[in-house]
Amino acid sequence: MVSSRKNVSSRLALFRTRFLTSPLCSQMPRLLLALPLVFLLTACSSSRPPTFAVAESTPPTVSDRTDQGIALLFTLSAQNDNDVALPLRDVEYTVELDGWKVFSGTRSAEATLRRLGTQQITLPAVIAGSVPSPATGRVPYRISGTVTYVTPGQIAEILFDTGVRVPTASFSGQGEVDLSQQPIP
């Protein structure tokens, strides 16, 4: 009986020595801390991301024209397939005319996508008068960017506010814009 206890005791001591000094064991506290975060992120990702497309039915329009440049308005069609509304935060986008990057900016989206719905978002772009492409006539354009949004739930909002999880959805589109059109009041 004593020898079996000694044998068990020595095996236990050997196990402790090998297990506690192993690289896996030294990483165990980190793994245990990361596990709840993985579950939180998985739970927060149950909503589907919104989709954005440049509205083909609404071509870009000239909203203002001065000696210094032209202001254009682009329309995005935003689709939310979730059962809850999704607040949009920022839109970061660039505009190219005739292959030249003529505008880059970030603006507040100032919108919340209604649940199970579609809505339009208007993005302005001011093109300086010194643009190397022609100032009149039809010009090919390309617009692309990302929209930052908040997924539903208090935990998701906390993760968003702390910068841990900041979801985005991208968009891009191209076509022609008529720079000779009169500004729309």
N, C-alpha and C. Protein backbone atom coordinates (compact mmCIF):
# COMPACT_ATOMS: atom_id res chain seq x y z
N MET A 1 0.81 -1.18 0.00
CA MET A 1 0.00 0.00 0.00
C MET A 1 0.86 1.26 0.00
N VAL A 2 1.93 1.21 0.81
CA VAL A 2 2.83 2.35 0.89
C VAL A 2 3.53 2.55 -0.44
N SER A 3 3.95 1.45 -1.07
CA SER A 3 4.64 1.59 -2.35
C SER A 3 3.71 2.10 -3.44
N SER A 4 2.42 1.74 -3.40
CA SER A 4 1.50 2.25 -4.42
C SER A 4 1.25 3.73 -4.21
N ARG A 5 1.18 4.18 -2.92
CA ARG A 5 1.02 5.60 -2.65
C ARG A 5 2.27 6.35 -3.11
N LYS A 6 3.41 5.79 -2.87
CA LYS A 6 4.66 6.40 -3.29
C LYS A 6 4.70 6.48 -4.81
N ASN A 7 4.25 5.44 -5.48
CA ASN A 7 4.23 5.38 -6.93
C ASN A 7 3.27 6.44 -7.48
N VAL A 8 2.08 6.54 -6.90
CA VAL A 8 1.10 7.55 -7.33
C VAL A 8 1.66 8.94 -7.05
N SER A 9 2.26 9.11 -5.90
CA SER A 9 2.82 10.40 -5.54
C SER A 9 3.94 10.81 -6.50
N SER A 10 4.79 9.87 -6.86
CA SER A 10 5.88 10.21 -7.78
C SER A 10 5.33 10.49 -9.18
N ARG A 11 4.32 9.76 -9.60
CA ARG A 11 3.70 10.03 -10.92
C ARG A 11 3.04 11.41 -10.92
N LEU A 12 2.37 11.75 -9.82
CA LEU A 12 1.74 13.05 -9.71
C LEU A 12 2.78 14.16 -9.73
N ALA A 13 3.86 13.97 -9.05
CA ALA A 13 4.95 14.95 -9.04
C ALA A 13 5.55 15.10 -10.43
N LEU A 14 5.72 14.00 -11.14
CA LEU A 14 6.24 14.05 -12.50
C LEU A 14 5.27 14.79 -13.43
N PHE A 15 3.98 14.51 -13.28
CA PHE A 15 2.96 15.19 -14.09
C PHE A 15 2.98 16.70 -13.84
N ARG A 16 3.01 17.06 -12.55
CA ARG A 16 3.05 18.49 -12.20
C ARG A 16 4.27 19.16 -12.80
N THR A 17 5.40 18.53 -12.69
CA THR A 17 6.64 19.11 -13.21
C THR A 17 6.55 19.29 -14.72
N ARG A 18 6.13 18.26 -15.42
CA ARG A 18 6.05 18.34 -16.88
C ARG A 18 4.95 19.29 -17.34
N PHE A 19 3.78 19.23 -16.70
CA PHE A 19 2.64 20.05 -17.14
C PHE A 19 2.85 21.52 -16.80
N LEU A 20 3.25 21.78 -15.57
CA LEU A 20 3.37 23.17 -15.14
C LEU A 20 4.52 23.91 -15.81
N THR A 21 5.51 23.20 -16.32
CA THR A 21 6.62 23.86 -17.00
C THR A 21 6.46 23.83 -18.52
N SER A 22 5.36 23.28 -18.99
CA SER A 22 5.16 23.22 -20.45
C SER A 22 4.78 24.60 -20.99
N PRO A 23 5.08 24.88 -22.27
CA PRO A 23 4.70 26.16 -22.88
C PRO A 23 3.19 26.39 -22.87
N LEU A 24 2.40 25.32 -23.00
CA LEU A 24 0.95 25.46 -22.99
C LEU A 24 0.47 25.99 -21.66
N CYS A 25 1.03 25.51 -20.59
CA CYS A 25 0.62 25.93 -19.26
C CYS A 25 0.96 27.39 -19.03
N SER A 26 2.10 27.85 -19.52
CA SER A 26 2.47 29.25 -19.34
C SER A 26 1.54 30.18 -20.11
N GLN A 27 0.90 29.68 -21.17
CA GLN A 27 -0.04 30.47 -21.96
C GLN A 27 -1.48 30.33 -21.46
N MET A 28 -1.71 29.44 -20.50
CA MET A 28 -3.06 29.14 -20.04
C MET A 28 -3.81 30.38 -19.55
N PRO A 29 -3.22 31.27 -18.72
CA PRO A 29 -3.97 32.45 -18.27
C PRO A 29 -4.44 33.31 -19.45
N ARG A 30 -3.61 33.48 -20.44
CA ARG A 30 -4.01 34.26 -21.61
C ARG A 30 -5.14 33.57 -22.36
N LEU A 31 -5.04 32.28 -22.52
CA LEU A 31 -6.09 31.54 -23.22
C LEU A 31 -7.41 31.63 -22.47
N LEU A 32 -7.36 31.53 -21.13
CA LEU A 32 -8.58 31.61 -20.34
C LEU A 32 -9.19 33.00 -20.40
N LEU A 33 -8.38 34.03 -20.48
CA LEU A 33 -8.90 35.39 -20.62
C LEU A 33 -9.47 35.65 -22.01
N ALA A 34 -8.87 35.07 -23.01
CA ALA A 34 -9.32 35.29 -24.39
C ALA A 34 -10.59 34.54 -24.71
N LEU A 35 -10.84 33.43 -24.05
CA LEU A 35 -12.01 32.61 -24.35
C LEU A 35 -13.33 33.37 -24.19
N PRO A 36 -13.57 34.10 -23.10
CA PRO A 36 -14.83 34.86 -23.01
C PRO A 36 -14.94 35.92 -24.10
N LEU A 37 -13.83 36.55 -24.47
CA LEU A 37 -13.86 37.55 -25.52
C LEU A 37 -14.29 36.94 -26.85
N VAL A 38 -13.81 35.75 -27.14
CA VAL A 38 -14.22 35.06 -28.36
C VAL A 38 -15.71 34.80 -28.34
N PHE A 39 -16.23 34.35 -27.20
CA PHE A 39 -17.67 34.11 -27.09
C PHE A 39 -18.46 35.40 -27.24
N LEU A 40 -17.98 36.50 -26.66
CA LEU A 40 -18.66 37.78 -26.79
C LEU A 40 -18.70 38.24 -28.24
N LEU A 41 -17.56 38.15 -28.91
CA LEU A 41 -17.52 38.58 -30.31
C LEU A 41 -18.40 37.72 -31.19
N THR A 42 -18.47 36.43 -30.89
CA THR A 42 -19.33 35.55 -31.66
C THR A 42 -20.79 35.89 -31.41
N ALA A 43 -21.14 36.16 -30.17
CA ALA A 43 -22.52 36.50 -29.85
C ALA A 43 -22.92 37.82 -30.48
N CYS A 44 -21.99 38.76 -30.59
CA CYS A 44 -22.31 40.07 -31.15
C CYS A 44 -22.38 40.05 -32.66
N SER A 45 -21.90 39.00 -33.28
CA SER A 45 -21.86 38.98 -34.74
C SER A 45 -23.05 38.25 -35.34
N SER A 46 -24.13 38.12 -34.57
CA SER A 46 -25.30 37.40 -35.09
C SER A 46 -26.07 38.22 -36.12
N SER A 47 -25.85 39.51 -36.19
CA SER A 47 -26.54 40.32 -37.20
C SER A 47 -25.75 40.31 -38.51
N ARG A 48 -26.47 40.48 -39.59
CA ARG A 48 -25.84 40.52 -40.91
C ARG A 48 -25.41 41.95 -41.22
N PRO A 49 -24.29 42.12 -41.91
CA PRO A 49 -23.86 43.48 -42.24
C PRO A 49 -24.80 44.10 -43.28
N PRO A 50 -24.97 45.42 -43.23
CA PRO A 50 -25.77 46.07 -44.26
C PRO A 50 -25.03 46.05 -45.59
N THR A 51 -25.75 46.22 -46.67
CA THR A 51 -25.13 46.30 -47.99
C THR A 51 -25.36 47.70 -48.56
N PHE A 52 -24.37 48.16 -49.31
CA PHE A 52 -24.42 49.49 -49.90
C PHE A 52 -24.06 49.38 -51.37
N ALA A 53 -24.79 50.12 -52.20
CA ALA A 53 -24.50 50.16 -53.63
C ALA A 53 -24.76 51.57 -54.12
N VAL A 54 -23.97 51.99 -55.10
CA VAL A 54 -24.21 53.29 -55.72
C VAL A 54 -25.49 53.14 -56.52
N ALA A 55 -26.47 54.01 -56.23
CA ALA A 55 -27.79 53.91 -56.86
C ALA A 55 -27.69 54.20 -58.35
N GLU A 56 -27.93 53.17 -59.15
CA GLU A 56 -27.86 53.34 -60.60
C GLU A 56 -29.03 54.15 -61.14
N SER A 57 -30.16 54.09 -60.43
CA SER A 57 -31.34 54.83 -60.89
C SER A 57 -31.23 56.33 -60.62
N THR A 58 -30.28 56.72 -59.77
CA THR A 58 -30.06 58.13 -59.46
C THR A 58 -28.62 58.48 -59.79
N PRO A 59 -28.35 58.98 -61.00
CA PRO A 59 -26.97 59.33 -61.36
C PRO A 59 -26.48 60.53 -60.54
N PRO A 60 -25.17 60.69 -60.42
CA PRO A 60 -24.63 61.85 -59.70
C PRO A 60 -25.13 63.15 -60.33
N THR A 61 -25.38 64.13 -59.49
CA THR A 61 -25.88 65.42 -59.99
C THR A 61 -24.96 66.54 -59.55
N VAL A 62 -24.95 67.62 -60.31
CA VAL A 62 -24.22 68.83 -59.96
C VAL A 62 -25.12 69.63 -59.02
N SER A 63 -24.67 69.87 -57.79
CA SER A 63 -25.49 70.62 -56.83
C SER A 63 -25.07 72.08 -56.74
N ASP A 64 -23.84 72.40 -57.17
CA ASP A 64 -23.38 73.78 -57.13
C ASP A 64 -22.19 73.92 -58.08
N ARG A 65 -22.05 75.11 -58.62
CA ARG A 65 -20.94 75.39 -59.53
C ARG A 65 -20.48 76.83 -59.28
N THR A 66 -19.18 77.00 -59.05
CA THR A 66 -18.59 78.33 -58.91
C THR A 66 -17.30 78.36 -59.73
N ASP A 67 -16.61 79.50 -59.69
CA ASP A 67 -15.33 79.61 -60.37
C ASP A 67 -14.28 78.71 -59.70
N GLN A 68 -14.49 78.36 -58.43
CA GLN A 68 -13.53 77.54 -57.71
C GLN A 68 -13.73 76.04 -57.92
N GLY A 69 -14.91 75.62 -58.37
CA GLY A 69 -15.12 74.19 -58.57
C GLY A 69 -16.58 73.79 -58.71
N ILE A 70 -16.81 72.50 -58.60
CA ILE A 70 -18.14 71.91 -58.78
C ILE A 70 -18.43 71.01 -57.59
N ALA A 71 -19.67 71.08 -57.10
CA ALA A 71 -20.11 70.17 -56.03
C ALA A 71 -21.03 69.13 -56.64
N LEU A 72 -20.70 67.85 -56.39
CA LEU A 72 -21.50 66.74 -56.90
C LEU A 72 -22.19 66.02 -55.74
N LEU A 73 -23.34 65.41 -56.03
CA LEU A 73 -24.04 64.59 -55.06
C LEU A 73 -24.16 63.17 -55.60
N PHE A 74 -23.70 62.20 -54.82
CA PHE A 74 -23.81 60.78 -55.16
C PHE A 74 -24.83 60.15 -54.23
N THR A 75 -25.61 59.20 -54.73
CA THR A 75 -26.62 58.54 -53.93
C THR A 75 -26.26 57.07 -53.72
N LEU A 76 -26.25 56.66 -52.44
CA LEU A 76 -26.04 55.26 -52.08
C LEU A 76 -27.38 54.65 -51.70
N SER A 77 -27.59 53.43 -52.13
CA SER A 77 -28.75 52.67 -51.70
C SER A 77 -28.28 51.72 -50.61
N ALA A 78 -28.87 51.86 -49.41
CA ALA A 78 -28.45 51.06 -48.25
C ALA A 78 -29.55 50.06 -47.91
N GLN A 79 -29.15 48.81 -47.70
CA GLN A 79 -30.10 47.72 -47.42
C GLN A 79 -29.76 47.09 -46.08
N ASN A 80 -30.76 46.97 -45.20
CA ASN A 80 -30.60 46.32 -43.91
C ASN A 80 -31.54 45.12 -43.85
N ASP A 81 -31.00 43.91 -43.81
CA ASP A 81 -31.79 42.69 -43.77
C ASP A 81 -32.00 42.17 -42.34
N ASN A 82 -31.68 42.96 -41.35
CA ASN A 82 -31.82 42.55 -39.95
C ASN A 82 -33.18 42.95 -39.39
N ASP A 83 -33.56 42.28 -38.30
CA ASP A 83 -34.82 42.59 -37.62
C ASP A 83 -34.72 43.82 -36.73
N VAL A 84 -33.53 44.39 -36.62
CA VAL A 84 -33.33 45.58 -35.81
C VAL A 84 -32.65 46.66 -36.66
N ALA A 85 -32.86 47.90 -36.25
CA ALA A 85 -32.23 49.02 -36.96
C ALA A 85 -30.72 49.02 -36.70
N LEU A 86 -29.95 49.53 -37.67
CA LEU A 86 -28.49 49.62 -37.53
C LEU A 86 -28.06 51.08 -37.63
N PRO A 87 -27.53 51.65 -36.54
CA PRO A 87 -27.03 53.02 -36.62
C PRO A 87 -25.75 53.07 -37.46
N LEU A 88 -25.70 54.02 -38.37
CA LEU A 88 -24.50 54.25 -39.17
C LEU A 88 -23.70 55.36 -38.52
N ARG A 89 -22.38 55.26 -38.57
CA ARG A 89 -21.54 56.27 -37.94
C ARG A 89 -20.85 57.15 -38.98
N ASP A 90 -19.85 56.62 -39.67
CA ASP A 90 -19.07 57.44 -40.62
C ASP A 90 -19.02 56.78 -41.98
N VAL A 91 -18.88 57.62 -42.99
CA VAL A 91 -18.65 57.15 -44.36
C VAL A 91 -17.32 57.75 -44.80
N GLU A 92 -16.39 56.89 -45.19
CA GLU A 92 -15.10 57.33 -45.71
C GLU A 92 -15.07 56.94 -47.17
N TYR A 93 -14.85 57.91 -48.08
CA TYR A 93 -14.96 57.60 -49.51
C TYR A 93 -14.05 58.47 -50.36
N THR A 94 -13.79 57.98 -51.57
CA THR A 94 -13.01 58.72 -52.56
C THR A 94 -13.78 58.74 -53.88
N VAL A 95 -13.53 59.78 -54.65
CA VAL A 95 -14.16 59.95 -55.96
C VAL A 95 -13.05 60.17 -56.99
N GLU A 96 -13.16 59.46 -58.10
CA GLU A 96 -12.26 59.66 -59.24
C GLU A 96 -13.08 60.13 -60.43
N LEU A 97 -12.52 61.07 -61.17
CA LEU A 97 -13.10 61.52 -62.44
C LEU A 97 -12.08 61.29 -63.53
N ASP A 98 -12.49 60.58 -64.54
CA ASP A 98 -11.63 60.31 -65.68
C ASP A 98 -10.28 59.71 -65.24
N GLY A 99 -10.34 58.85 -64.19
CA GLY A 99 -9.13 58.18 -63.72
C GLY A 99 -8.30 58.98 -62.72
N TRP A 100 -8.70 60.20 -62.41
CA TRP A 100 -7.96 61.05 -61.46
C TRP A 100 -8.70 61.10 -60.14
N LYS A 101 -7.96 60.90 -59.04
CA LYS A 101 -8.56 61.04 -57.72
C LYS A 101 -8.76 62.52 -57.45
N VAL A 102 -10.05 62.93 -57.32
CA VAL A 102 -10.36 64.35 -57.18
C VAL A 102 -10.99 64.70 -55.83
N PHE A 103 -11.38 63.68 -55.07
CA PHE A 103 -11.98 63.94 -53.76
C PHE A 103 -11.75 62.75 -52.85
N SER A 104 -11.48 63.06 -51.58
CA SER A 104 -11.37 62.03 -50.56
C SER A 104 -11.85 62.66 -49.27
N GLY A 105 -12.74 61.98 -48.56
CA GLY A 105 -13.25 62.57 -47.34
C GLY A 105 -13.95 61.59 -46.43
N THR A 106 -14.27 62.08 -45.26
CA THR A 106 -15.03 61.33 -44.27
C THR A 106 -16.15 62.24 -43.78
N ARG A 107 -17.33 61.68 -43.68
CA ARG A 107 -18.45 62.45 -43.15
C ARG A 107 -19.31 61.57 -42.28
N SER A 108 -20.05 62.20 -41.41
CA SER A 108 -20.97 61.46 -40.56
C SER A 108 -22.11 60.94 -41.44
N ALA A 109 -22.49 59.70 -41.23
CA ALA A 109 -23.56 59.12 -42.04
C ALA A 109 -24.91 59.75 -41.71
N GLU A 110 -25.07 60.23 -40.47
CA GLU A 110 -26.31 60.88 -40.05
C GLU A 110 -27.55 60.07 -40.40
N ALA A 111 -27.49 58.76 -40.19
CA ALA A 111 -28.63 57.91 -40.51
C ALA A 111 -28.61 56.65 -39.67
N THR A 112 -29.77 56.09 -39.51
CA THR A 112 -29.94 54.76 -38.93
C THR A 112 -30.75 53.96 -39.94
N LEU A 113 -30.21 52.83 -40.35
CA LEU A 113 -30.92 52.00 -41.33
C LEU A 113 -32.09 51.32 -40.64
N ARG A 114 -33.28 51.57 -41.14
CA ARG A 114 -34.47 50.95 -40.56
C ARG A 114 -34.41 49.44 -40.72
N ARG A 115 -35.10 48.73 -39.87
CA ARG A 115 -35.08 47.27 -39.92
C ARG A 115 -35.77 46.78 -41.18
N LEU A 116 -35.19 45.75 -41.76
CA LEU A 116 -35.74 45.11 -42.97
C LEU A 116 -36.12 46.12 -44.04
N GLY A 117 -35.23 47.07 -44.28
CA GLY A 117 -35.58 48.12 -45.24
C GLY A 117 -34.42 48.61 -46.07
N THR A 118 -34.77 49.49 -47.00
CA THR A 118 -33.81 50.14 -47.88
C THR A 118 -34.00 51.64 -47.77
N GLN A 119 -32.93 52.38 -47.80
CA GLN A 119 -33.03 53.83 -47.83
C GLN A 119 -31.85 54.42 -48.58
N GLN A 120 -32.00 55.67 -48.95
CA GLN A 120 -31.00 56.38 -49.75
C GLN A 120 -30.14 57.26 -48.84
N ILE A 121 -28.85 57.32 -49.13
CA ILE A 121 -27.91 58.18 -48.42
C ILE A 121 -27.19 59.02 -49.48
N THR A 122 -27.15 60.33 -49.27
CA THR A 122 -26.52 61.24 -50.22
C THR A 122 -25.13 61.62 -49.73
N LEU A 123 -24.15 61.49 -50.63
CA LEU A 123 -22.76 61.84 -50.31
C LEU A 123 -22.31 62.98 -51.21
N PRO A 124 -21.85 64.08 -50.63
CA PRO A 124 -21.34 65.19 -51.44
C PRO A 124 -19.85 65.02 -51.75
N ALA A 125 -19.44 65.59 -52.87
CA ALA A 125 -18.03 65.63 -53.24
C ALA A 125 -17.77 66.96 -53.93
N VAL A 126 -16.83 67.72 -53.41
CA VAL A 126 -16.49 69.02 -54.00
C VAL A 126 -15.22 68.83 -54.83
N ILE A 127 -15.34 69.17 -56.11
CA ILE A 127 -14.23 69.02 -57.05
C ILE A 127 -13.65 70.40 -57.34
N ALA A 128 -12.39 70.59 -56.99
CA ALA A 128 -11.74 71.89 -57.20
C ALA A 128 -11.64 72.20 -58.68
N GLY A 129 -11.65 73.50 -59.02
CA GLY A 129 -11.61 73.94 -60.41
C GLY A 129 -10.35 73.54 -61.15
N SER A 130 -9.28 73.20 -60.43
CA SER A 130 -8.02 72.85 -61.08
C SER A 130 -7.93 71.35 -61.41
N VAL A 131 -9.08 70.68 -61.47
CA VAL A 131 -9.11 69.25 -61.78
C VAL A 131 -8.56 69.03 -63.18
N PRO A 132 -7.67 68.06 -63.38
CA PRO A 132 -7.07 67.84 -64.69
C PRO A 132 -8.02 67.27 -65.74
N SER A 133 -9.23 66.87 -65.35
CA SER A 133 -10.17 66.36 -66.35
C SER A 133 -11.04 67.50 -66.85
N PRO A 134 -11.74 67.31 -67.97
CA PRO A 134 -12.55 68.40 -68.52
C PRO A 134 -13.62 68.86 -67.54
N ALA A 135 -13.89 70.16 -67.51
CA ALA A 135 -14.86 70.73 -66.57
C ALA A 135 -16.29 70.63 -67.08
N THR A 136 -16.47 70.23 -68.31
CA THR A 136 -17.83 70.10 -68.85
C THR A 136 -17.95 68.80 -69.61
N GLY A 137 -19.17 68.41 -69.87
CA GLY A 137 -19.44 67.20 -70.64
C GLY A 137 -19.51 65.97 -69.76
N ARG A 138 -19.68 64.82 -70.40
CA ARG A 138 -19.79 63.54 -69.69
C ARG A 138 -18.39 63.00 -69.37
N VAL A 139 -18.21 62.64 -68.12
CA VAL A 139 -16.91 62.18 -67.63
C VAL A 139 -17.13 60.89 -66.84
N PRO A 140 -16.29 59.87 -67.07
CA PRO A 140 -16.42 58.66 -66.25
C PRO A 140 -16.02 58.93 -64.81
N TYR A 141 -16.79 58.35 -63.89
CA TYR A 141 -16.48 58.50 -62.47
C TYR A 141 -16.39 57.13 -61.81
N ARG A 142 -15.74 57.13 -60.67
CA ARG A 142 -15.70 55.95 -59.79
C ARG A 142 -15.74 56.46 -58.37
N ILE A 143 -16.60 55.87 -57.55
CA ILE A 143 -16.69 56.21 -56.13
C ILE A 143 -16.56 54.91 -55.35
N SER A 144 -15.79 54.95 -54.26
CA SER A 144 -15.63 53.77 -53.42
C SER A 144 -15.39 54.22 -51.99
N GLY A 145 -15.74 53.34 -51.05
CA GLY A 145 -15.53 53.70 -49.65
C GLY A 145 -16.04 52.64 -48.70
N THR A 146 -16.05 53.01 -47.42
CA THR A 146 -16.54 52.13 -46.37
C THR A 146 -17.48 52.90 -45.45
N VAL A 147 -18.45 52.18 -44.91
CA VAL A 147 -19.40 52.75 -43.95
C VAL A 147 -19.20 52.02 -42.62
N THR A 148 -19.00 52.79 -41.56
CA THR A 148 -18.88 52.23 -40.22
C THR A 148 -20.27 52.21 -39.59
N TYR A 149 -20.63 51.08 -38.98
CA TYR A 149 -21.94 50.94 -38.36
C TYR A 149 -21.81 50.23 -37.01
N VAL A 150 -22.88 50.30 -36.22
CA VAL A 150 -22.90 49.67 -34.91
C VAL A 150 -23.89 48.51 -34.94
N THR A 151 -23.43 47.34 -34.52
CA THR A 151 -24.33 46.19 -34.44
C THR A 151 -25.19 46.32 -33.18
N PRO A 152 -26.35 45.66 -33.16
CA PRO A 152 -27.27 45.81 -32.03
C PRO A 152 -26.74 45.17 -30.74
N GLY A 153 -27.17 45.74 -29.61
CA GLY A 153 -26.84 45.19 -28.31
C GLY A 153 -25.90 46.08 -27.51
N GLN A 154 -26.05 46.05 -26.19
CA GLN A 154 -25.22 46.87 -25.32
C GLN A 154 -23.76 46.47 -25.36
N ILE A 155 -23.50 45.17 -25.41
CA ILE A 155 -22.10 44.71 -25.46
C ILE A 155 -21.46 45.18 -26.76
N ALA A 156 -22.19 45.08 -27.87
CA ALA A 156 -21.66 45.52 -29.15
C ALA A 156 -21.35 47.01 -29.13
N GLU A 157 -22.21 47.79 -28.49
CA GLU A 157 -21.97 49.23 -28.40
C GLU A 157 -20.72 49.53 -27.57
N ILE A 158 -20.53 48.79 -26.48
CA ILE A 158 -19.33 48.99 -25.65
C ILE A 158 -18.08 48.62 -26.43
N LEU A 159 -18.14 47.48 -27.13
CA LEU A 159 -16.99 47.07 -27.94
C LEU A 159 -16.70 48.10 -29.04
N PHE A 160 -17.76 48.68 -29.62
CA PHE A 160 -17.59 49.71 -30.66
C PHE A 160 -16.95 50.96 -30.05
N ASP A 161 -17.51 51.42 -28.92
CA ASP A 161 -17.01 52.65 -28.28
C ASP A 161 -15.56 52.53 -27.82
N THR A 162 -15.14 51.34 -27.44
CA THR A 162 -13.76 51.14 -27.00
C THR A 162 -12.83 50.82 -28.16
N GLY A 163 -13.37 50.65 -29.36
CA GLY A 163 -12.55 50.37 -30.53
C GLY A 163 -12.16 48.92 -30.69
N VAL A 164 -12.72 48.03 -29.86
CA VAL A 164 -12.39 46.61 -29.95
C VAL A 164 -13.01 46.00 -31.21
N ARG A 165 -14.25 46.37 -31.48
CA ARG A 165 -14.95 45.83 -32.65
C ARG A 165 -15.67 46.98 -33.35
N VAL A 166 -15.15 47.39 -34.51
CA VAL A 166 -15.72 48.48 -35.29
C VAL A 166 -16.06 47.92 -36.68
N PRO A 167 -17.30 47.43 -36.86
CA PRO A 167 -17.64 46.81 -38.14
C PRO A 167 -17.80 47.83 -39.27
N THR A 168 -17.42 47.42 -40.46
CA THR A 168 -17.57 48.27 -41.65
C THR A 168 -18.14 47.45 -42.80
N ALA A 169 -18.73 48.16 -43.73
CA ALA A 169 -19.20 47.55 -44.98
C ALA A 169 -18.71 48.45 -46.11
N SER A 170 -18.26 47.84 -47.19
CA SER A 170 -17.68 48.64 -48.28
C SER A 170 -18.69 48.80 -49.42
N PHE A 171 -18.40 49.76 -50.28
CA PHE A 171 -19.21 50.00 -51.48
C PHE A 171 -18.31 50.55 -52.57
N SER A 172 -18.75 50.41 -53.81
CA SER A 172 -18.07 51.03 -54.95
C SER A 172 -19.04 51.05 -56.11
N GLY A 173 -18.80 51.97 -57.00
CA GLY A 173 -19.64 52.09 -58.19
C GLY A 173 -18.95 52.98 -59.20
N GLN A 174 -19.40 52.85 -60.43
CA GLN A 174 -18.84 53.68 -61.49
C GLN A 174 -19.89 53.96 -62.54
N GLY A 175 -19.62 54.94 -63.36
CA GLY A 175 -20.55 55.34 -64.41
C GLY A 175 -20.06 56.61 -65.05
N GLU A 176 -21.00 57.40 -65.51
CA GLU A 176 -20.67 58.70 -66.11
C GLU A 176 -21.46 59.79 -65.42
N VAL A 177 -20.83 60.93 -65.24
CA VAL A 177 -21.49 62.10 -64.70
C VAL A 177 -21.42 63.21 -65.73
N ASP A 178 -22.53 63.92 -65.90
CA ASP A 178 -22.58 65.04 -66.84
C ASP A 178 -22.23 66.32 -66.10
N LEU A 179 -20.99 66.78 -66.26
CA LEU A 179 -20.53 67.98 -65.55
C LEU A 179 -21.09 69.26 -66.16
N SER A 180 -21.72 69.18 -67.33
CA SER A 180 -22.27 70.38 -67.94
C SER A 180 -23.69 70.66 -67.48
N GLN A 181 -24.30 69.78 -66.69
CA GLN A 181 -25.66 70.01 -66.23
C GLN A 181 -25.72 71.20 -65.27
N GLN A 182 -26.86 71.85 -65.24
CA GLN A 182 -27.08 72.99 -64.37
C GLN A 182 -27.27 72.51 -62.93
N PRO A 183 -26.77 73.29 -61.96
CA PRO A 183 -26.94 72.88 -60.57
C PRO A 183 -28.41 72.72 -60.20
N ILE A 184 -28.68 71.71 -59.40
CA ILE A 184 -30.03 71.47 -58.92
C ILE A 184 -30.21 72.27 -57.63
N PRO A 185 -31.25 73.11 -57.57
CA PRO A 185 -31.43 73.94 -56.36
C PRO A 185 -31.78 73.12 -55.14
